[in-house]
N, C-alpha and C. Protein backbone atom coordinates (compact mmCIF):
# COMPACT_ATOMS: atom_id res chain seq x y z
N MET A 1 1.25 -0.92 -0.36
CA MET A 1 -0.46 0.09 0.04
C MET A 1 0.69 1.48 -0.21
N ARG A 2 0.34 2.18 -0.86
CA ARG A 2 1.18 3.32 -0.75
C ARG A 2 0.53 4.30 0.68
N PHE A 3 0.62 5.23 0.55
CA PHE A 3 -0.06 6.05 1.43
C PHE A 3 0.94 7.77 1.99
N THR A 4 0.62 8.79 1.99
CA THR A 4 1.25 10.10 2.14
C THR A 4 0.69 10.28 3.89
N THR A 5 0.99 10.71 3.91
CA THR A 5 1.65 10.94 5.88
C THR A 5 1.37 13.24 6.35
N ALA A 6 0.02 13.44 7.78
CA ALA A 6 0.67 14.47 7.63
C ALA A 6 0.14 14.18 9.05
N ARG A 7 0.91 15.33 9.87
CA ARG A 7 1.50 16.02 11.34
C ARG A 7 -0.09 15.93 12.22
N LEU A 8 0.33 15.96 13.14
CA LEU A 8 -1.37 17.25 13.33
C LEU A 8 -0.72 16.75 14.97
N CYS A 9 -2.28 17.46 15.85
CA CYS A 9 -2.07 17.28 17.39
C CYS A 9 -0.22 18.47 17.44
N GLY A 10 -0.28 18.93 17.05
CA GLY A 10 0.51 19.88 17.38
C GLY A 10 1.83 19.30 17.11
N GLY A 11 1.86 17.95 16.27
CA GLY A 11 3.48 17.22 15.88
C GLY A 11 3.12 16.45 16.74
N GLU A 12 2.01 15.60 17.25
CA GLU A 12 2.31 14.78 18.50
C GLU A 12 1.46 13.73 17.51
N ALA A 13 0.66 14.13 16.90
CA ALA A 13 -0.33 12.31 16.31
C ALA A 13 0.69 12.84 14.81
N LEU A 14 0.88 11.51 14.27
CA LEU A 14 0.84 11.41 12.60
C LEU A 14 -0.36 10.63 12.41
N MET A 15 -1.12 10.84 11.01
CA MET A 15 -1.97 10.52 10.44
C MET A 15 -1.04 9.53 9.06
N ALA A 16 -1.72 8.22 9.10
CA ALA A 16 -1.24 8.31 7.54
C ALA A 16 -2.43 7.96 6.51
N ILE A 17 -2.56 8.15 5.52
CA ILE A 17 -3.59 8.17 4.21
C ILE A 17 -3.45 7.15 3.49
N SER A 18 -4.11 6.66 3.22
CA SER A 18 -4.42 5.39 2.70
C SER A 18 -4.39 6.00 1.00
N ALA A 19 -3.21 5.94 -0.30
CA ALA A 19 -3.21 6.53 -1.99
C ALA A 19 -4.47 5.92 -2.13
N ASP A 20 -4.70 4.53 -1.95
CA ASP A 20 -5.83 3.55 -2.76
C ASP A 20 -7.34 4.72 -1.66
N ILE A 21 -8.39 4.00 -2.80
CA ILE A 21 -9.70 5.30 -1.73
C ILE A 21 -10.64 3.85 -1.26
N LEU A 22 -10.19 4.20 -0.49
CA LEU A 22 -11.59 2.35 0.77
C LEU A 22 -12.37 2.76 1.14
N ASP A 23 -13.26 1.59 1.61
CA ASP A 23 -13.99 2.21 2.07
C ASP A 23 -14.60 0.69 3.26
N LEU A 24 -14.00 1.19 4.17
CA LEU A 24 -13.87 0.55 4.86
C LEU A 24 -15.58 -0.06 5.26
N ASP A 25 -15.42 -0.89 5.83
CA ASP A 25 -16.95 -1.58 6.74
C ASP A 25 -15.83 -1.55 8.63
N LEU A 26 -16.90 -0.26 9.49
CA LEU A 26 -16.27 0.04 10.69
C LEU A 26 -17.35 -0.71 11.57
N ASP A 27 -18.53 -1.38 11.07
CA ASP A 27 -18.93 -2.33 12.02
C ASP A 27 -18.07 -3.60 12.19
N LYS A 28 -17.77 -3.73 10.48
CA LYS A 28 -16.42 -5.31 10.54
C LYS A 28 -15.40 -5.37 11.34
N ALA A 29 -14.43 -3.84 11.02
CA ALA A 29 -13.51 -3.37 12.03
C ALA A 29 -13.35 -3.58 13.32
N GLU A 30 -14.47 -3.07 13.75
CA GLU A 30 -14.98 -2.72 15.24
C GLU A 30 -14.89 -4.80 15.73
N ARG A 31 -15.50 -5.41 15.17
CA ARG A 31 -15.85 -6.84 15.35
C ARG A 31 -13.98 -7.27 15.40
N ILE A 32 -13.44 -7.77 15.08
CA ILE A 32 -11.85 -7.90 14.43
C ILE A 32 -10.85 -7.76 15.45
N LEU A 33 -10.93 -5.48 15.89
CA LEU A 33 -10.27 -4.82 16.37
C LEU A 33 -10.60 -5.62 17.96
N LYS A 34 -11.73 -5.46 18.50
CA LYS A 34 -12.67 -6.63 19.78
C LYS A 34 -11.45 -7.61 20.69
N GLU A 35 -11.59 -8.89 19.11
CA GLU A 35 -11.60 -9.75 18.93
C GLU A 35 -10.40 -9.98 19.22
N GLU A 36 -8.86 -9.02 18.95
CA GLU A 36 -7.53 -8.17 19.40
C GLU A 36 -7.82 -8.46 20.28
N GLY A 37 -8.18 -7.74 21.48
CA GLY A 37 -8.70 -7.34 22.50
C GLY A 37 -8.41 -6.00 22.98
N CYS A 38 -7.92 -5.50 21.58
CA CYS A 38 -8.18 -4.26 21.70
C CYS A 38 -9.57 -3.24 22.68
N VAL A 39 -9.46 -1.58 23.17
CA VAL A 39 -10.78 -1.67 23.91
C VAL A 39 -11.08 -0.31 22.83
N ILE A 40 -12.40 -0.36 21.97
CA ILE A 40 -13.33 0.74 20.74
C ILE A 40 -13.81 1.70 22.25
N LYS A 41 -12.69 2.91 21.51
CA LYS A 41 -13.38 4.35 22.91
C LYS A 41 -14.58 4.98 22.31
N GLU A 42 -14.99 4.71 20.87
CA GLU A 42 -15.68 6.04 20.23
C GLU A 42 -16.28 5.09 18.89
N LYS A 43 -17.04 5.35 18.30
CA LYS A 43 -17.25 4.39 17.64
C LYS A 43 -18.63 4.87 16.33
N SER A 44 -18.75 5.97 15.31
CA SER A 44 -19.85 5.71 15.36
C SER A 44 -19.75 5.96 13.45
N GLU A 45 -20.10 6.25 12.53
CA GLU A 45 -20.40 6.28 10.85
C GLU A 45 -18.68 6.72 10.14
N MET A 46 -18.37 7.29 10.70
CA MET A 46 -17.45 8.34 9.72
C MET A 46 -16.38 7.62 10.89
N ILE A 47 -15.70 7.53 11.86
CA ILE A 47 -14.81 7.16 12.71
C ILE A 47 -14.43 5.50 13.96
N LEU A 48 -13.80 5.74 13.87
CA LEU A 48 -13.62 4.58 14.93
C LEU A 48 -11.85 4.52 16.10
N VAL A 49 -12.74 4.76 17.01
CA VAL A 49 -11.27 5.16 17.71
C VAL A 49 -11.38 4.50 19.17
N TYR A 50 -9.89 3.36 19.00
CA TYR A 50 -9.31 2.54 20.23
C TYR A 50 -8.52 2.81 20.56
N GLU A 51 -7.79 1.43 21.95
CA GLU A 51 -6.01 1.17 22.41
C GLU A 51 -5.84 0.90 21.72
N TRP A 52 -4.53 1.18 21.20
CA TRP A 52 -3.48 0.00 20.84
C TRP A 52 -2.17 0.38 21.34
N GLU A 53 -1.72 -0.67 22.09
CA GLU A 53 -0.13 -1.25 22.11
C GLU A 53 0.33 0.73 22.64
N GLY A 54 -0.43 0.77 23.61
CA GLY A 54 0.09 2.31 24.48
C GLY A 54 -0.80 3.60 23.39
N LYS A 55 -1.79 3.55 22.41
CA LYS A 55 -2.39 4.65 21.48
C LYS A 55 -3.59 4.78 21.17
N GLU A 56 -3.50 6.03 20.81
CA GLU A 56 -4.75 6.12 20.94
C GLU A 56 -5.49 5.70 19.33
N VAL A 57 -5.76 4.83 18.57
CA VAL A 57 -5.92 4.63 17.30
C VAL A 57 -7.26 6.04 16.61
N THR A 58 -7.28 6.42 15.72
CA THR A 58 -8.71 6.88 14.58
C THR A 58 -8.83 6.24 14.01
N LEU A 59 -9.50 5.97 13.43
CA LEU A 59 -9.85 5.18 11.87
C LEU A 59 -10.54 5.69 11.11
N TYR A 60 -10.62 5.75 9.82
CA TYR A 60 -11.80 6.17 9.14
C TYR A 60 -12.55 5.56 7.72
N PRO A 61 -13.60 4.90 7.82
CA PRO A 61 -13.24 4.14 6.40
C PRO A 61 -13.30 4.94 5.36
N GLN A 62 -12.13 5.97 4.73
CA GLN A 62 -11.51 6.45 3.71
C GLN A 62 -9.83 5.60 3.44
N GLY A 63 -9.35 4.86 4.83
CA GLY A 63 -8.07 4.52 4.94
C GLY A 63 -7.25 5.94 5.63
N LYS A 64 -7.58 5.89 6.34
CA LYS A 64 -7.02 6.97 6.95
C LYS A 64 -7.12 6.68 8.34
N VAL A 65 -5.92 7.05 8.94
CA VAL A 65 -5.38 6.04 10.11
C VAL A 65 -4.54 6.53 10.75
N MET A 66 -5.06 7.27 11.83
CA MET A 66 -4.56 8.60 12.76
C MET A 66 -3.49 7.87 14.25
N TYR A 67 -2.56 7.92 14.92
CA TYR A 67 -1.26 7.82 16.14
C TYR A 67 -1.27 8.27 16.49
N LEU A 68 -1.85 8.34 17.86
CA LEU A 68 -1.90 9.61 18.96
C LEU A 68 -1.29 9.06 20.07
N PRO A 69 -0.60 8.88 21.11
CA PRO A 69 0.73 10.00 19.75
C PRO A 69 1.92 8.98 18.93
N GLN A 70 2.00 9.70 17.99
CA GLN A 70 3.73 8.98 16.90
C GLN A 70 4.27 10.32 16.06
N LYS A 71 5.71 10.12 16.12
CA LYS A 71 5.98 10.80 15.40
C LYS A 71 7.00 10.40 14.77
N ASP A 72 7.27 8.89 14.44
CA ASP A 72 8.05 8.07 13.64
C ASP A 72 6.66 7.98 12.05
N ARG A 73 7.84 8.16 11.21
CA ARG A 73 6.57 8.66 10.40
C ARG A 73 6.39 6.70 9.08
N ALA A 74 7.89 6.15 9.57
CA ALA A 74 7.96 4.43 8.65
C ALA A 74 6.99 3.86 9.69
N GLN A 75 7.20 4.23 10.62
CA GLN A 75 6.39 3.01 12.03
C GLN A 75 5.30 2.88 11.54
N CYS A 76 4.33 4.89 11.20
CA CYS A 76 3.11 4.66 11.33
C CYS A 76 2.72 4.38 10.25
N ILE A 77 3.81 4.12 8.93
CA ILE A 77 2.98 3.35 7.93
C ILE A 77 3.67 2.28 8.14
N SER A 78 3.97 1.68 8.59
CA SER A 78 3.92 0.44 9.27
C SER A 78 3.12 0.02 9.67
N ASP A 79 2.07 0.22 10.84
CA ASP A 79 1.58 0.33 11.67
C ASP A 79 -0.05 -0.22 10.79
N ALA A 80 -0.42 1.47 9.66
CA ALA A 80 -1.04 1.35 9.07
C ALA A 80 -1.62 0.25 8.38
N THR A 81 -0.14 -0.29 7.85
CA THR A 81 -0.32 -0.98 6.64
C THR A 81 -0.66 -2.80 6.70
N ARG A 82 -0.50 -2.10 8.26
CA ARG A 82 -1.37 -3.88 8.68
C ARG A 82 -2.49 -3.87 9.22
N LEU A 83 -2.77 -3.29 9.67
CA LEU A 83 -4.34 -2.33 10.43
C LEU A 83 -5.67 -2.75 9.11
N LEU A 84 -4.71 -2.12 8.11
CA LEU A 84 -5.95 -2.06 6.46
C LEU A 84 -5.77 -3.04 5.61
N GLU A 85 -4.50 -4.41 6.36
CA GLU A 85 -4.66 -4.93 5.39
C GLU A 85 -5.26 -6.22 5.59
N LYS A 86 -5.41 -6.20 6.79
CA LYS A 86 -6.76 -7.22 8.14
C LYS A 86 -8.03 -6.83 8.07
N LEU A 87 -8.41 -5.50 7.76
CA LEU A 87 -9.82 -5.11 7.37
C LEU A 87 -9.94 -5.60 6.27
N ARG A 88 -9.42 -5.45 5.41
CA ARG A 88 -10.01 -5.58 3.87
C ARG A 88 -10.55 -7.27 4.00
């Protein structure tokens, strides 16, 4: 997968933005993440927020993934790739 990244929240967060436009099923994503032991903090039609490895992760149906805190661009892309491959 190819991504661009955006630095957010005063540089404390990174968002991986998929070059491919996706249409993720957040209900399916919620089920998969719960099965893996992730704590879901918020869910709506437009976002799914959960805790993972000490980070708050916000997943958007278009394939955007924001990690807070995260400063390492390569790690952000690696984590987003693994997540989206699992959810597609």
